[in-house]
Amino acid sequence: MYDLTNSISPDLRRELEGRIEEVRREIERFRDIFDLPRGEISVARSIWGEMPINWEMLEESRSRRLRGYGEIPAGLPAILDPMIDRLTTLAAGIEKLLEPGPRPKRSR
């Protein structure tokens, strides 16, 4: 597991933001010169599309899969597998919420 830490100084961040803006302008210039269509990417659809990768990571974390890396400590399956089951349930809920297509409106 990893924690994402921001090691970018405020000065470097400003420099990067400026360069990123320059790249965006250049990409817009390409789009205009070559008359490229502007597309749109749905954040919900993008997240939903990444879910198979998350499912694979969860399944590969189960104790029976870890045995392929060597002997696992006694008692680990009893602790780990229910945690993976819970994460799987939570991920399924997220996937269901983001599933493409019409969803019934919720009443308040």
C-alpha atoms as a PDB file:
ATOM      1  CA  MET A   1       0.000   0.000   0.000  1.00  0.00           C
ATOM      2  CA  TYR A   2       1.174   3.482  -0.735  1.00  0.00           C
ATOM      3  CA  ASP A   3       0.419   6.991   0.438  1.00  0.00           C
ATOM      4  CA  LEU A   4       0.544   9.628  -2.252  1.00  0.00           C
ATOM      5  CA  THR A   5       2.657  12.531  -1.046  1.00  0.00           C
ATOM      6  CA  ASN A   6       3.064  15.880  -2.724  1.00  0.00           C
ATOM      7  CA  SER A   7       6.780  16.541  -3.037  1.00  0.00           C
ATOM      8  CA  ILE A   8       6.289  19.378  -5.517  1.00  0.00           C
ATOM      9  CA  SER A   9       7.220  22.774  -4.143  1.00  0.00           C
ATOM     10  CA  PRO A  10       4.872  25.732  -4.740  1.00  0.00           C
ATOM     11  CA  ASP A  11       7.435  27.279  -7.124  1.00  0.00           C
ATOM     12  CA  LEU A  12       7.758  24.086  -9.133  1.00  0.00           C
ATOM     13  CA  ARG A  13       3.966  23.699  -9.173  1.00  0.00           C
ATOM     14  CA  ARG A  14       3.579  27.166 -10.715  1.00  0.00           C
ATOM     15  CA  GLU A  15       6.223  26.302 -13.315  1.00  0.00           C
ATOM     16  CA  LEU A  16       4.475  23.020 -14.143  1.00  0.00           C
ATOM     17  CA  GLU A  17       1.084  24.703 -14.386  1.00  0.00           C
ATOM     18  CA  GLY A  18       2.535  27.197 -16.857  1.00  0.00           C
ATOM     19  CA  ARG A  19       4.047  24.457 -18.994  1.00  0.00           C
ATOM     20  CA  ILE A  20       0.875  22.385 -18.888  1.00  0.00           C
ATOM     21  CA  GLU A  21      -1.083  25.416 -20.062  1.00  0.00           C
ATOM     22  CA  GLU A  22       1.415  25.819 -22.891  1.00  0.00           C
ATOM     23  CA  VAL A  23       0.910  22.172 -23.882  1.00  0.00           C
ATOM     24  CA  ARG A  24      -2.877  22.665 -23.822  1.00  0.00           C
ATOM     25  CA  ARG A  25      -2.594  25.688 -26.116  1.00  0.00           C
ATOM     26  CA  GLU A  26      -0.427  23.679 -28.500  1.00  0.00           C
ATOM     27  CA  ILE A  27      -2.939  20.817 -28.522  1.00  0.00           C
ATOM     28  CA  GLU A  28      -5.741  23.309 -29.228  1.00  0.00           C
ATOM     29  CA  ARG A  29      -3.679  24.667 -32.118  1.00  0.00           C
ATOM     30  CA  PHE A  30      -3.349  21.135 -33.529  1.00  0.00           C
ATOM     31  CA  ARG A  31      -7.088  20.679 -33.160  1.00  0.00           C
ATOM     32  CA  ASP A  32      -7.806  23.926 -34.982  1.00  0.00           C
ATOM     33  CA  ILE A  33      -5.270  23.377 -37.796  1.00  0.00           C
ATOM     34  CA  PHE A  34      -6.451  19.843 -38.516  1.00  0.00           C
ATOM     35  CA  ASP A  35     -10.115  20.549 -37.728  1.00  0.00           C
ATOM     36  CA  LEU A  36     -10.236  17.710 -35.218  1.00  0.00           C
ATOM     37  CA  PRO A  37     -13.528  17.061 -33.430  1.00  0.00           C
ATOM     38  CA  ARG A  38     -13.653  17.850 -29.748  1.00  0.00           C
ATOM     39  CA  GLY A  39     -14.669  14.847 -27.666  1.00  0.00           C
ATOM     40  CA  GLU A  40     -15.961  14.527 -24.161  1.00  0.00           C
ATOM     41  CA  ILE A  41     -15.138  11.872 -21.582  1.00  0.00           C
ATOM     42  CA  SER A  42     -17.585  11.151 -18.802  1.00  0.00           C
ATOM     43  CA  VAL A  43     -15.865  10.823 -15.432  1.00  0.00           C
ATOM     44  CA  ALA A  44     -18.479   8.283 -14.321  1.00  0.00           C
ATOM     45  CA  ARG A  45     -17.983   6.201 -17.455  1.00  0.00           C
ATOM     46  CA  SER A  46     -14.200   6.408 -17.077  1.00  0.00           C
ATOM     47  CA  ILE A  47     -14.346   5.164 -13.479  1.00  0.00           C
ATOM     48  CA  TRP A  48     -16.815   2.437 -14.468  1.00  0.00           C
ATOM     49  CA  GLY A  49     -14.460   1.374 -17.238  1.00  0.00           C
ATOM     50  CA  GLU A  50     -11.619   0.945 -14.737  1.00  0.00           C
ATOM     51  CA  MET A  51     -13.636  -1.369 -12.490  1.00  0.00           C
ATOM     52  CA  PRO A  52     -12.449  -4.631 -14.154  1.00  0.00           C
ATOM     53  CA  ILE A  53      -8.898  -3.759 -13.091  1.00  0.00           C
ATOM     54  CA  ASN A  54     -10.117  -3.211  -9.529  1.00  0.00           C
ATOM     55  CA  TRP A  55     -11.966  -6.549  -9.566  1.00  0.00           C
ATOM     56  CA  GLU A  56      -8.830  -8.319 -10.732  1.00  0.00           C
ATOM     57  CA  MET A  57      -6.710  -6.727  -7.988  1.00  0.00           C
ATOM     58  CA  LEU A  58      -9.257  -7.705  -5.340  1.00  0.00           C
ATOM     59  CA  GLU A  59      -9.477 -11.291  -6.565  1.00  0.00           C
ATOM     60  CA  GLU A  60      -5.685 -11.587  -6.725  1.00  0.00           C
ATOM     61  CA  SER A  61      -5.526 -10.469  -3.066  1.00  0.00           C
ATOM     62  CA  ARG A  62      -7.526 -13.409  -1.742  1.00  0.00           C
ATOM     63  CA  SER A  63      -5.594 -15.847   0.460  1.00  0.00           C
ATOM     64  CA  ARG A  64      -5.906 -18.737  -2.000  1.00  0.00           C
ATOM     65  CA  ARG A  65      -4.176 -16.611  -4.643  1.00  0.00           C
ATOM     66  CA  LEU A  66      -1.429 -15.506  -2.264  1.00  0.00           C
ATOM     67  CA  ARG A  67      -0.429 -19.127  -1.782  1.00  0.00           C
ATOM     68  CA  GLY A  68       1.175 -18.901  -5.209  1.00  0.00           C
ATOM     69  CA  TYR A  69       3.801 -16.617  -3.643  1.00  0.00           C
ATOM     70  CA  GLY A  70       4.627 -19.053  -0.860  1.00  0.00           C
ATOM     71  CA  GLU A  71       3.267 -20.251   2.426  1.00  0.00           C
ATOM     72  CA  ILE A  72       0.846 -17.870   4.118  1.00  0.00           C
ATOM     73  CA  PRO A  73       0.531 -17.497   7.892  1.00  0.00           C
ATOM     74  CA  ALA A  74      -2.055 -19.659   9.631  1.00  0.00           C
ATOM     75  CA  GLY A  75      -5.182 -17.679  10.318  1.00  0.00           C
ATOM     76  CA  LEU A  76      -4.626 -15.206   7.497  1.00  0.00           C
ATOM     77  CA  PRO A  77      -7.534 -16.459   5.365  1.00  0.00           C
ATOM     78  CA  ALA A  78      -9.941 -15.927   8.265  1.00  0.00           C
ATOM     79  CA  ILE A  79      -8.857 -12.286   8.534  1.00  0.00           C
ATOM     80  CA  LEU A  80      -8.032 -11.364   4.949  1.00  0.00           C
ATOM     81  CA  ASP A  81     -10.827 -13.000   2.977  1.00  0.00           C
ATOM     82  CA  PRO A  82     -13.711 -11.301   4.840  1.00  0.00           C
ATOM     83  CA  MET A  83     -11.939  -7.970   4.327  1.00  0.00           C
ATOM     84  CA  ILE A  84     -11.655  -8.687   0.593  1.00  0.00           C
ATOM     85  CA  ASP A  85     -15.341  -9.705   0.573  1.00  0.00           C
ATOM     86  CA  ARG A  86     -16.257  -6.358   2.156  1.00  0.00           C
ATOM     87  CA  LEU A  87     -14.157  -4.421  -0.374  1.00  0.00           C
ATOM     88  CA  THR A  88     -15.766  -6.429  -3.170  1.00  0.00           C
ATOM     89  CA  THR A  89     -19.233  -5.514  -1.887  1.00  0.00           C
ATOM     90  CA  LEU A  90     -18.277  -1.835  -1.685  1.00  0.00           C
ATOM     91  CA  ALA A  91     -16.752  -1.907  -5.183  1.00  0.00           C
ATOM     92  CA  ALA A  92     -19.885  -3.572  -6.556  1.00  0.00           C
ATOM     93  CA  GLY A  93     -21.951  -0.750  -5.074  1.00  0.00           C
ATOM     94  CA  ILE A  94     -19.752   1.854  -6.739  1.00  0.00           C
ATOM     95  CA  GLU A  95     -19.904  -0.011 -10.030  1.00  0.00           C
ATOM     96  CA  LYS A  96     -23.702  -0.202  -9.835  1.00  0.00           C
ATOM     97  CA  LEU A  97     -23.970   3.543  -9.171  1.00  0.00           C
ATOM     98  CA  LEU A  98     -21.773   4.360 -12.157  1.00  0.00           C
ATOM     99  CA  GLU A  99     -23.186   1.781 -14.565  1.00  0.00           C
ATOM    100  CA  PRO A 100     -23.920   3.402 -17.925  1.00  0.00           C
ATOM    101  CA  GLY A 101     -27.518   3.771 -18.975  1.00  0.00           C
ATOM    102  CA  PRO A 102     -30.638   5.185 -17.389  1.00  0.00           C
ATOM    103  CA  ARG A 103     -31.168   4.691 -13.689  1.00  0.00           C
ATOM    104  CA  PRO A 104     -34.436   5.185 -11.830  1.00  0.00           C
ATOM    105  CA  LYS A 105     -34.634   8.458  -9.948  1.00  0.00           C
ATOM    106  CA  ARG A 106     -34.388   8.209  -6.182  1.00  0.00           C
ATOM    107  CA  SER A 107     -37.047   9.756  -4.032  1.00  0.00           C
ATOM    108  CA  ARG A 108     -35.949  11.846  -1.109  1.00  0.00           C
END
